[in-house]
N, C-alpha and C. Protein backbone atom coordinates (compact mmCIF):
# COMPACT_ATOMS: atom_id res chain seq x y z
N MET A 1 -137.70 -15.64 48.29
CA MET A 1 -139.10 -15.85 48.63
C MET A 1 -139.31 -15.44 50.08
N GLU A 2 -140.31 -14.64 50.32
CA GLU A 2 -140.64 -14.23 51.68
C GLU A 2 -141.35 -15.37 52.38
N ARG A 3 -140.92 -15.65 53.60
CA ARG A 3 -141.55 -16.71 54.38
C ARG A 3 -142.89 -16.23 54.90
N ILE A 4 -143.90 -17.02 54.78
CA ILE A 4 -145.25 -16.68 55.22
C ILE A 4 -145.35 -16.91 56.72
N SER A 5 -145.92 -15.94 57.43
CA SER A 5 -145.92 -16.05 58.89
C SER A 5 -147.24 -16.56 59.47
N THR A 6 -148.29 -16.62 58.67
CA THR A 6 -149.55 -17.12 59.20
C THR A 6 -149.92 -18.41 58.50
N ILE A 7 -150.61 -19.25 59.21
CA ILE A 7 -151.04 -20.53 58.65
C ILE A 7 -152.50 -20.40 58.24
N SER A 8 -152.78 -20.76 57.01
CA SER A 8 -154.15 -20.68 56.51
C SER A 8 -155.03 -21.68 57.24
N PRO A 9 -156.36 -21.46 57.24
CA PRO A 9 -157.26 -22.42 57.88
C PRO A 9 -157.10 -23.84 57.33
N GLU A 10 -156.85 -23.95 56.02
CA GLU A 10 -156.67 -25.27 55.43
C GLU A 10 -155.44 -25.96 56.01
N LEU A 11 -154.35 -25.20 56.18
CA LEU A 11 -153.14 -25.81 56.71
C LEU A 11 -153.20 -25.99 58.21
N GLU A 12 -154.03 -25.22 58.90
CA GLU A 12 -154.23 -25.50 60.32
C GLU A 12 -154.81 -26.90 60.47
N LYS A 13 -155.73 -27.27 59.57
CA LYS A 13 -156.29 -28.62 59.59
C LYS A 13 -155.19 -29.64 59.30
N VAL A 14 -154.34 -29.35 58.31
CA VAL A 14 -153.26 -30.26 57.94
C VAL A 14 -152.30 -30.41 59.11
N SER A 15 -151.91 -29.29 59.74
CA SER A 15 -150.93 -29.38 60.82
C SER A 15 -151.49 -30.10 62.03
N ALA A 16 -152.81 -30.14 62.14
CA ALA A 16 -153.44 -30.88 63.23
C ALA A 16 -153.48 -32.38 62.94
N GLY A 17 -153.17 -32.77 61.71
CA GLY A 17 -153.10 -34.18 61.38
C GLY A 17 -154.29 -34.68 60.60
N VAL A 18 -154.49 -34.16 59.41
CA VAL A 18 -155.58 -34.61 58.56
C VAL A 18 -155.07 -35.77 57.71
N SER A 19 -155.88 -36.79 57.57
CA SER A 19 -155.50 -37.96 56.82
C SER A 19 -156.47 -38.17 55.67
N SER A 20 -155.92 -38.45 54.49
CA SER A 20 -156.79 -38.77 53.36
C SER A 20 -156.00 -39.57 52.33
N ASN A 21 -156.68 -40.48 51.68
CA ASN A 21 -156.11 -41.23 50.56
C ASN A 21 -154.73 -41.82 50.84
N GLY A 22 -154.52 -42.33 52.03
CA GLY A 22 -153.25 -42.97 52.34
C GLY A 22 -152.13 -42.03 52.71
N HIS A 23 -152.42 -40.75 52.90
CA HIS A 23 -151.38 -39.77 53.26
C HIS A 23 -151.83 -38.96 54.46
N LYS A 24 -151.00 -38.93 55.47
CA LYS A 24 -151.26 -38.09 56.64
C LYS A 24 -150.11 -37.11 56.77
N LEU A 25 -150.44 -35.84 56.84
CA LEU A 25 -149.45 -34.78 56.93
C LEU A 25 -149.69 -34.02 58.22
N SER A 26 -148.64 -33.85 59.02
CA SER A 26 -148.80 -33.15 60.29
C SER A 26 -147.51 -32.45 60.67
N LEU A 27 -147.63 -31.51 61.57
CA LEU A 27 -146.49 -30.84 62.16
C LEU A 27 -146.20 -31.56 63.47
N SER A 28 -144.93 -31.83 63.76
CA SER A 28 -144.60 -32.51 65.01
C SER A 28 -145.12 -31.71 66.19
N SER A 29 -145.32 -32.38 67.31
CA SER A 29 -145.92 -31.72 68.47
C SER A 29 -145.10 -30.53 68.95
N ASP A 30 -143.79 -30.57 68.77
CA ASP A 30 -142.96 -29.44 69.17
C ASP A 30 -142.68 -28.47 68.02
N GLY A 31 -143.26 -28.76 66.84
CA GLY A 31 -143.11 -27.87 65.69
C GLY A 31 -141.75 -27.93 65.02
N ASP A 32 -140.93 -28.95 65.34
CA ASP A 32 -139.58 -29.04 64.79
C ASP A 32 -139.53 -29.59 63.36
N PHE A 33 -140.53 -30.36 62.96
CA PHE A 33 -140.49 -30.92 61.62
C PHE A 33 -141.90 -31.24 61.12
N VAL A 34 -142.00 -31.33 59.79
CA VAL A 34 -143.21 -31.78 59.13
C VAL A 34 -143.09 -33.29 58.97
N HIS A 35 -144.16 -34.00 59.30
CA HIS A 35 -144.18 -35.46 59.22
C HIS A 35 -145.18 -35.86 58.13
N SER A 36 -144.66 -36.49 57.09
CA SER A 36 -145.47 -36.96 55.97
C SER A 36 -145.49 -38.49 56.02
N HIS A 37 -146.63 -39.05 56.39
CA HIS A 37 -146.74 -40.51 56.56
C HIS A 37 -147.62 -41.07 55.45
N TRP A 38 -147.08 -42.04 54.74
CA TRP A 38 -147.78 -42.67 53.61
C TRP A 38 -148.10 -44.11 53.96
N GLN A 39 -149.24 -44.59 53.43
CA GLN A 39 -149.56 -46.01 53.59
C GLN A 39 -150.42 -46.48 52.43
N GLY A 40 -150.32 -47.77 52.15
CA GLY A 40 -151.10 -48.35 51.07
C GLY A 40 -150.48 -48.07 49.71
N PHE A 41 -151.29 -48.24 48.68
CA PHE A 41 -150.82 -48.01 47.31
C PHE A 41 -150.88 -46.52 47.02
N VAL A 42 -149.77 -45.97 46.58
CA VAL A 42 -149.68 -44.53 46.31
C VAL A 42 -149.48 -44.33 44.81
N THR A 43 -150.39 -43.59 44.21
CA THR A 43 -150.27 -43.26 42.79
C THR A 43 -149.35 -42.06 42.61
N LYS A 44 -148.91 -41.85 41.39
CA LYS A 44 -148.07 -40.68 41.09
C LYS A 44 -148.81 -39.39 41.41
N LYS A 45 -150.09 -39.35 41.04
CA LYS A 45 -150.89 -38.14 41.29
C LYS A 45 -150.98 -37.85 42.79
N LEU A 46 -151.23 -38.86 43.58
CA LEU A 46 -151.32 -38.67 45.03
C LEU A 46 -149.97 -38.26 45.61
N LEU A 47 -148.89 -38.84 45.10
CA LEU A 47 -147.56 -38.49 45.59
C LEU A 47 -147.26 -37.02 45.30
N ILE A 48 -147.58 -36.55 44.12
CA ILE A 48 -147.35 -35.14 43.76
C ILE A 48 -148.20 -34.23 44.63
N THR A 49 -149.46 -34.58 44.81
CA THR A 49 -150.35 -33.76 45.65
C THR A 49 -149.82 -33.69 47.08
N GLY A 50 -149.45 -34.82 47.64
CA GLY A 50 -148.93 -34.86 49.01
C GLY A 50 -147.62 -34.11 49.15
N ALA A 51 -146.74 -34.25 48.17
CA ALA A 51 -145.45 -33.54 48.21
C ALA A 51 -145.66 -32.04 48.16
N ASN A 52 -146.62 -31.59 47.36
CA ASN A 52 -146.91 -30.16 47.30
C ASN A 52 -147.55 -29.66 48.59
N GLN A 53 -148.36 -30.47 49.24
CA GLN A 53 -148.90 -30.10 50.55
C GLN A 53 -147.77 -29.95 51.57
N CYS A 54 -146.77 -30.81 51.48
CA CYS A 54 -145.59 -30.69 52.36
C CYS A 54 -144.92 -29.34 52.16
N LEU A 55 -144.77 -28.93 50.90
CA LEU A 55 -144.16 -27.62 50.62
C LEU A 55 -144.93 -26.50 51.29
N GLN A 56 -146.25 -26.55 51.17
CA GLN A 56 -147.08 -25.50 51.77
C GLN A 56 -146.89 -25.45 53.27
N LEU A 57 -146.91 -26.61 53.91
CA LEU A 57 -146.78 -26.64 55.37
C LEU A 57 -145.37 -26.22 55.80
N LEU A 58 -144.35 -26.62 55.06
CA LEU A 58 -142.98 -26.18 55.36
C LEU A 58 -142.88 -24.66 55.32
N ALA A 59 -143.39 -24.07 54.26
CA ALA A 59 -143.29 -22.62 54.09
C ALA A 59 -144.09 -21.88 55.15
N GLN A 60 -145.30 -22.32 55.40
CA GLN A 60 -146.16 -21.58 56.32
C GLN A 60 -145.81 -21.80 57.78
N SER A 61 -145.21 -22.91 58.10
CA SER A 61 -144.86 -23.17 59.50
C SER A 61 -143.43 -22.74 59.83
N LYS A 62 -142.67 -22.34 58.80
CA LYS A 62 -141.27 -21.94 58.96
C LYS A 62 -140.42 -23.08 59.54
N THR A 63 -140.78 -24.29 59.21
CA THR A 63 -140.05 -25.48 59.65
C THR A 63 -139.04 -25.84 58.57
N SER A 64 -137.85 -26.25 58.97
CA SER A 64 -136.80 -26.54 57.99
C SER A 64 -136.52 -28.03 57.84
N ALA A 65 -137.32 -28.88 58.49
CA ALA A 65 -137.05 -30.32 58.47
C ALA A 65 -138.30 -31.10 58.05
N LEU A 66 -138.07 -32.16 57.27
CA LEU A 66 -139.16 -32.99 56.77
C LEU A 66 -138.83 -34.46 57.00
N LEU A 67 -139.78 -35.19 57.60
CA LEU A 67 -139.68 -36.63 57.80
C LEU A 67 -140.74 -37.27 56.91
N VAL A 68 -140.29 -38.13 55.99
CA VAL A 68 -141.19 -38.84 55.09
C VAL A 68 -141.14 -40.31 55.46
N ASP A 69 -142.28 -40.85 55.87
CA ASP A 69 -142.37 -42.24 56.33
C ASP A 69 -143.00 -43.10 55.24
N HIS A 70 -142.19 -43.97 54.66
CA HIS A 70 -142.65 -44.87 53.59
C HIS A 70 -142.66 -46.33 54.02
N ARG A 71 -142.67 -46.59 55.31
CA ARG A 71 -142.60 -47.99 55.76
C ARG A 71 -143.83 -48.79 55.37
N SER A 72 -144.97 -48.14 55.17
CA SER A 72 -146.21 -48.85 54.86
C SER A 72 -146.75 -48.51 53.48
N VAL A 73 -145.87 -48.12 52.58
CA VAL A 73 -146.31 -47.66 51.26
C VAL A 73 -145.99 -48.70 50.19
N HIS A 74 -146.82 -48.70 49.15
CA HIS A 74 -146.61 -49.54 47.97
C HIS A 74 -146.81 -48.66 46.75
N GLY A 75 -146.20 -49.03 45.66
CA GLY A 75 -146.36 -48.28 44.43
C GLY A 75 -145.00 -47.99 43.82
N THR A 76 -145.03 -47.65 42.56
CA THR A 76 -143.79 -47.26 41.88
C THR A 76 -144.01 -45.92 41.22
N TRP A 77 -143.01 -45.11 41.30
CA TRP A 77 -143.07 -43.78 40.71
C TRP A 77 -141.71 -43.43 40.14
N ALA A 78 -141.14 -44.38 39.40
CA ALA A 78 -139.79 -44.24 38.86
C ALA A 78 -139.64 -43.00 38.00
N ASP A 79 -140.66 -42.63 37.26
CA ASP A 79 -140.54 -41.49 36.37
C ASP A 79 -140.75 -40.15 37.08
N LEU A 80 -140.86 -40.16 38.40
CA LEU A 80 -141.01 -38.90 39.14
C LEU A 80 -139.67 -38.37 39.65
N GLY A 81 -138.60 -39.08 39.42
CA GLY A 81 -137.29 -38.62 39.89
C GLY A 81 -136.92 -37.25 39.34
N ASP A 82 -137.13 -37.05 38.05
CA ASP A 82 -136.83 -35.74 37.45
C ASP A 82 -137.71 -34.65 38.03
N TRP A 83 -138.99 -34.95 38.21
CA TRP A 83 -139.91 -33.96 38.80
C TRP A 83 -139.46 -33.61 40.21
N GLN A 84 -139.10 -34.63 40.99
CA GLN A 84 -138.69 -34.37 42.36
C GLN A 84 -137.40 -33.55 42.39
N GLU A 85 -136.44 -33.89 41.55
CA GLU A 85 -135.15 -33.21 41.56
C GLU A 85 -135.23 -31.79 40.99
N ASN A 86 -135.97 -31.61 39.90
CA ASN A 86 -135.96 -30.34 39.18
C ASN A 86 -137.09 -29.39 39.53
N ILE A 87 -138.15 -29.89 40.12
CA ILE A 87 -139.28 -29.02 40.46
C ILE A 87 -139.53 -28.99 41.96
N TRP A 88 -139.76 -30.17 42.55
CA TRP A 88 -140.13 -30.18 43.97
C TRP A 88 -138.99 -29.72 44.86
N LEU A 89 -137.80 -30.28 44.71
CA LEU A 89 -136.69 -29.94 45.61
C LEU A 89 -136.28 -28.48 45.55
N PRO A 90 -136.16 -27.85 44.37
CA PRO A 90 -135.85 -26.42 44.37
C PRO A 90 -136.92 -25.60 45.11
N ASN A 91 -138.17 -25.98 44.96
CA ASN A 91 -139.24 -25.29 45.69
C ASN A 91 -139.16 -25.57 47.18
N ALA A 92 -138.78 -26.79 47.55
CA ALA A 92 -138.63 -27.13 48.96
C ALA A 92 -137.49 -26.33 49.59
N LEU A 93 -136.39 -26.19 48.88
CA LEU A 93 -135.28 -25.39 49.39
C LEU A 93 -135.70 -23.94 49.56
N GLN A 94 -136.45 -23.44 48.59
CA GLN A 94 -136.95 -22.06 48.67
C GLN A 94 -137.93 -21.91 49.84
N ALA A 95 -138.67 -22.96 50.15
CA ALA A 95 -139.61 -22.93 51.28
C ALA A 95 -138.90 -23.05 52.62
N GLY A 96 -137.59 -23.34 52.60
CA GLY A 96 -136.82 -23.40 53.83
C GLY A 96 -136.34 -24.77 54.24
N LEU A 97 -136.58 -25.81 53.43
CA LEU A 97 -136.15 -27.16 53.79
C LEU A 97 -134.63 -27.24 53.85
N ARG A 98 -134.11 -27.77 54.96
CA ARG A 98 -132.67 -27.95 55.15
C ARG A 98 -132.31 -29.38 55.53
N LYS A 99 -133.26 -30.11 56.12
CA LYS A 99 -133.02 -31.50 56.54
C LYS A 99 -134.19 -32.36 56.06
N TYR A 100 -133.86 -33.49 55.42
CA TYR A 100 -134.86 -34.39 54.86
C TYR A 100 -134.49 -35.80 55.27
N VAL A 101 -135.44 -36.50 55.86
CA VAL A 101 -135.18 -37.88 56.25
C VAL A 101 -136.28 -38.78 55.70
N LEU A 102 -135.87 -39.89 55.13
CA LEU A 102 -136.79 -40.90 54.63
C LEU A 102 -136.73 -42.10 55.57
N VAL A 103 -137.89 -42.55 56.01
CA VAL A 103 -137.97 -43.76 56.83
C VAL A 103 -138.59 -44.84 55.95
N ALA A 104 -137.82 -45.88 55.68
CA ALA A 104 -138.29 -46.94 54.78
C ALA A 104 -137.52 -48.22 55.08
N HIS A 105 -138.07 -49.32 54.63
CA HIS A 105 -137.42 -50.62 54.83
C HIS A 105 -136.22 -50.74 53.89
N PRO A 106 -135.10 -51.27 54.40
CA PRO A 106 -133.93 -51.48 53.54
C PRO A 106 -134.31 -52.31 52.32
N GLY A 107 -133.82 -51.92 51.16
CA GLY A 107 -134.09 -52.65 49.94
C GLY A 107 -135.43 -52.35 49.30
N SER A 108 -136.23 -51.51 49.92
CA SER A 108 -137.54 -51.18 49.35
C SER A 108 -137.38 -50.27 48.13
N TYR A 109 -138.44 -50.19 47.34
CA TYR A 109 -138.42 -49.31 46.18
C TYR A 109 -138.14 -47.87 46.59
N SER A 110 -138.72 -47.44 47.70
CA SER A 110 -138.51 -46.07 48.17
C SER A 110 -137.03 -45.78 48.40
N VAL A 111 -136.33 -46.71 49.02
CA VAL A 111 -134.90 -46.53 49.28
C VAL A 111 -134.12 -46.53 47.97
N MET A 112 -134.42 -47.48 47.09
CA MET A 112 -133.69 -47.56 45.82
C MET A 112 -133.90 -46.30 44.98
N ALA A 113 -135.10 -45.73 45.02
CA ALA A 113 -135.38 -44.51 44.26
C ALA A 113 -134.72 -43.29 44.90
N ALA A 114 -134.60 -43.28 46.21
CA ALA A 114 -134.07 -42.11 46.92
C ALA A 114 -132.55 -42.02 46.89
N GLU A 115 -131.86 -43.14 46.92
CA GLU A 115 -130.40 -43.12 47.05
C GLU A 115 -129.69 -42.30 45.96
N PRO A 116 -130.03 -42.46 44.67
CA PRO A 116 -129.34 -41.65 43.66
C PRO A 116 -129.63 -40.15 43.83
N LEU A 117 -130.85 -39.84 44.19
CA LEU A 117 -131.23 -38.45 44.40
C LEU A 117 -130.46 -37.86 45.58
N PHE A 118 -130.37 -38.61 46.65
CA PHE A 118 -129.65 -38.15 47.84
C PHE A 118 -128.18 -37.88 47.50
N SER A 119 -127.57 -38.76 46.72
CA SER A 119 -126.15 -38.57 46.41
C SER A 119 -125.93 -37.34 45.53
N LYS A 120 -126.89 -36.99 44.69
CA LYS A 120 -126.79 -35.79 43.85
C LYS A 120 -126.95 -34.51 44.66
N LEU A 121 -127.77 -34.55 45.70
CA LEU A 121 -128.17 -33.32 46.38
C LEU A 121 -127.53 -33.11 47.73
N HIS A 122 -126.57 -33.95 48.10
CA HIS A 122 -126.00 -33.86 49.45
C HIS A 122 -125.37 -32.50 49.74
N SER A 123 -124.93 -31.76 48.72
CA SER A 123 -124.32 -30.46 48.97
C SER A 123 -125.36 -29.37 49.24
N GLN A 124 -126.61 -29.61 48.88
CA GLN A 124 -127.66 -28.61 49.05
C GLN A 124 -128.55 -28.87 50.26
N LEU A 125 -128.56 -30.11 50.72
CA LEU A 125 -129.55 -30.50 51.71
C LEU A 125 -129.02 -31.68 52.52
N GLU A 126 -129.21 -31.65 53.83
CA GLU A 126 -128.85 -32.80 54.66
C GLU A 126 -129.94 -33.85 54.46
N MET A 127 -129.55 -35.04 54.02
CA MET A 127 -130.52 -36.09 53.74
C MET A 127 -130.03 -37.41 54.32
N MET A 128 -130.95 -38.15 54.92
CA MET A 128 -130.61 -39.45 55.49
C MET A 128 -131.76 -40.42 55.26
N ILE A 129 -131.43 -41.71 55.30
CA ILE A 129 -132.42 -42.78 55.22
C ILE A 129 -132.28 -43.63 56.48
N PHE A 130 -133.40 -43.88 57.13
CA PHE A 130 -133.44 -44.74 58.32
C PHE A 130 -134.54 -45.77 58.15
N SER A 131 -134.41 -46.88 58.86
CA SER A 131 -135.48 -47.87 58.87
C SER A 131 -136.33 -47.75 60.14
N GLU A 132 -135.83 -47.03 61.14
CA GLU A 132 -136.55 -46.87 62.41
C GLU A 132 -136.98 -45.41 62.59
N LEU A 133 -138.24 -45.22 62.92
CA LEU A 133 -138.82 -43.89 63.06
C LEU A 133 -138.12 -43.07 64.15
N GLU A 134 -137.88 -43.65 65.30
CA GLU A 134 -137.28 -42.89 66.41
C GLU A 134 -135.86 -42.43 66.08
N GLU A 135 -135.10 -43.27 65.37
CA GLU A 135 -133.76 -42.86 64.94
C GLU A 135 -133.84 -41.67 63.99
N ALA A 136 -134.81 -41.72 63.09
CA ALA A 136 -134.99 -40.62 62.14
C ALA A 136 -135.35 -39.33 62.85
N LYS A 137 -136.26 -39.41 63.82
CA LYS A 137 -136.64 -38.22 64.58
C LYS A 137 -135.45 -37.65 65.34
N SER A 138 -134.65 -38.50 65.95
CA SER A 138 -133.47 -38.04 66.69
C SER A 138 -132.50 -37.32 65.77
N TRP A 139 -132.27 -37.90 64.59
CA TRP A 139 -131.36 -37.27 63.63
C TRP A 139 -131.89 -35.91 63.20
N LEU A 140 -133.19 -35.83 62.92
CA LEU A 140 -133.79 -34.56 62.49
C LEU A 140 -133.61 -33.49 63.55
N LYS A 141 -133.80 -33.86 64.79
CA LYS A 141 -133.75 -32.87 65.88
C LYS A 141 -132.32 -32.45 66.23
N SER A 142 -131.34 -33.24 65.80
CA SER A 142 -129.95 -32.85 66.07
C SER A 142 -129.60 -31.65 65.20
N GLY A 143 -129.15 -30.63 65.82
CA GLY A 143 -128.74 -29.44 65.08
C GLY A 143 -129.86 -28.50 64.70
N ILE A 144 -131.09 -28.76 65.14
CA ILE A 144 -132.19 -27.83 64.83
C ILE A 144 -132.19 -26.73 65.86
């Protein structure tokens, strides 16, 4: 897949930090990573929409790192594991994703859902889970 070098007007808005329906997607101030921040109750439909927006921003910004913040999120999406593993992640890798970090509270549904996926994909992608945002950012920036 050829990497896109220009950012569309819609994604310029996203990279500037547009927030809607409990999801805020932005490019870090130094452009090192995409930051996907979730809050409130998240439906499966919203999660898929937001995840696909992340793909677009990753591809168009040529960023290889993604920080997903689930510290303020509620909801269950247990049946999305297959979609994430078989559809979203291959597309994310094709878009250039190399480092993925989840920020969530220990023992939360987000962590329990992510751990099996992380163990399956560790050979394809660097993945970590943190409970503190600053630790996650530091890890993402290491080796970029």
